Protein backbone atom coordinates (compact mmCIF):
# COMPACT_ATOMS: atom_id res chain seq x y z
CA LEU A 1 -2.57 43.10 -65.77
CA ARG A 2 -4.61 44.60 -68.74
CA GLY A 3 -1.19 43.03 -71.04
CA PHE A 4 -1.67 39.31 -68.84
CA THR A 5 -5.59 39.50 -69.79
CA PHE A 6 -5.42 40.55 -73.46
CA ALA A 7 -2.79 37.52 -74.13
CA ILE A 8 -4.14 35.08 -72.46
CA GLY A 9 -7.93 36.12 -74.38
CA PHE A 10 -6.00 36.17 -77.67
CA GLY A 11 -4.02 32.77 -76.18
CA ILE A 12 -8.03 30.66 -76.15
CA ILE A 13 -9.18 32.26 -78.91
CA ILE A 14 -6.54 30.96 -81.42
CA GLY A 15 -6.29 27.79 -79.54
CA THR A 16 -9.71 27.25 -80.35
CA TYR A 17 -9.82 28.13 -83.58
CA SER A 18 -6.90 25.77 -84.35
CA SER A 19 -7.84 22.83 -82.60
CA ILE A 20 -11.04 23.52 -84.85
CA ALA A 21 -9.31 23.93 -88.07
CA ILE A 22 -7.63 21.00 -87.00
CA ALA A 23 -10.01 18.39 -86.37
CA ALA A 24 -12.28 19.29 -88.60
CA PRO A 25 -10.41 17.48 -91.23
CA VAL A 26 -8.99 14.90 -89.07
CA LEU A 27 -12.88 13.79 -88.80
CA LEU A 28 -13.84 14.10 -91.87
CA LEU A 29 -11.36 11.35 -92.38
CA GLY A 30 -12.19 9.51 -90.42
CA ALA A 31 -15.87 9.79 -91.49
CA LYS A 32 -14.75 8.00 -94.57
CA THR A 33 -12.75 5.89 -93.35
CA LYS A 34 -15.68 4.94 -91.92
CA THR A 35 -18.25 4.71 -94.36
CA ALA A 36 -15.77 3.15 -96.83
CA LYS A 37 -15.18 0.12 -94.60
CA SER A 38 -18.55 -0.80 -93.78
CA LYS A 39 -19.69 -0.32 -97.70
CA LYS A 40 -17.42 -3.34 -98.56
């Protein structure tokens, strides 16, 4: 049970980190294109 708990905790931490690492550049890209379109 201890190994399972460690695996679940590790997976949650890595999953959260990867989601933030992937979502941040995508949001920045979207914000850049949105502001570029509104300036035109």
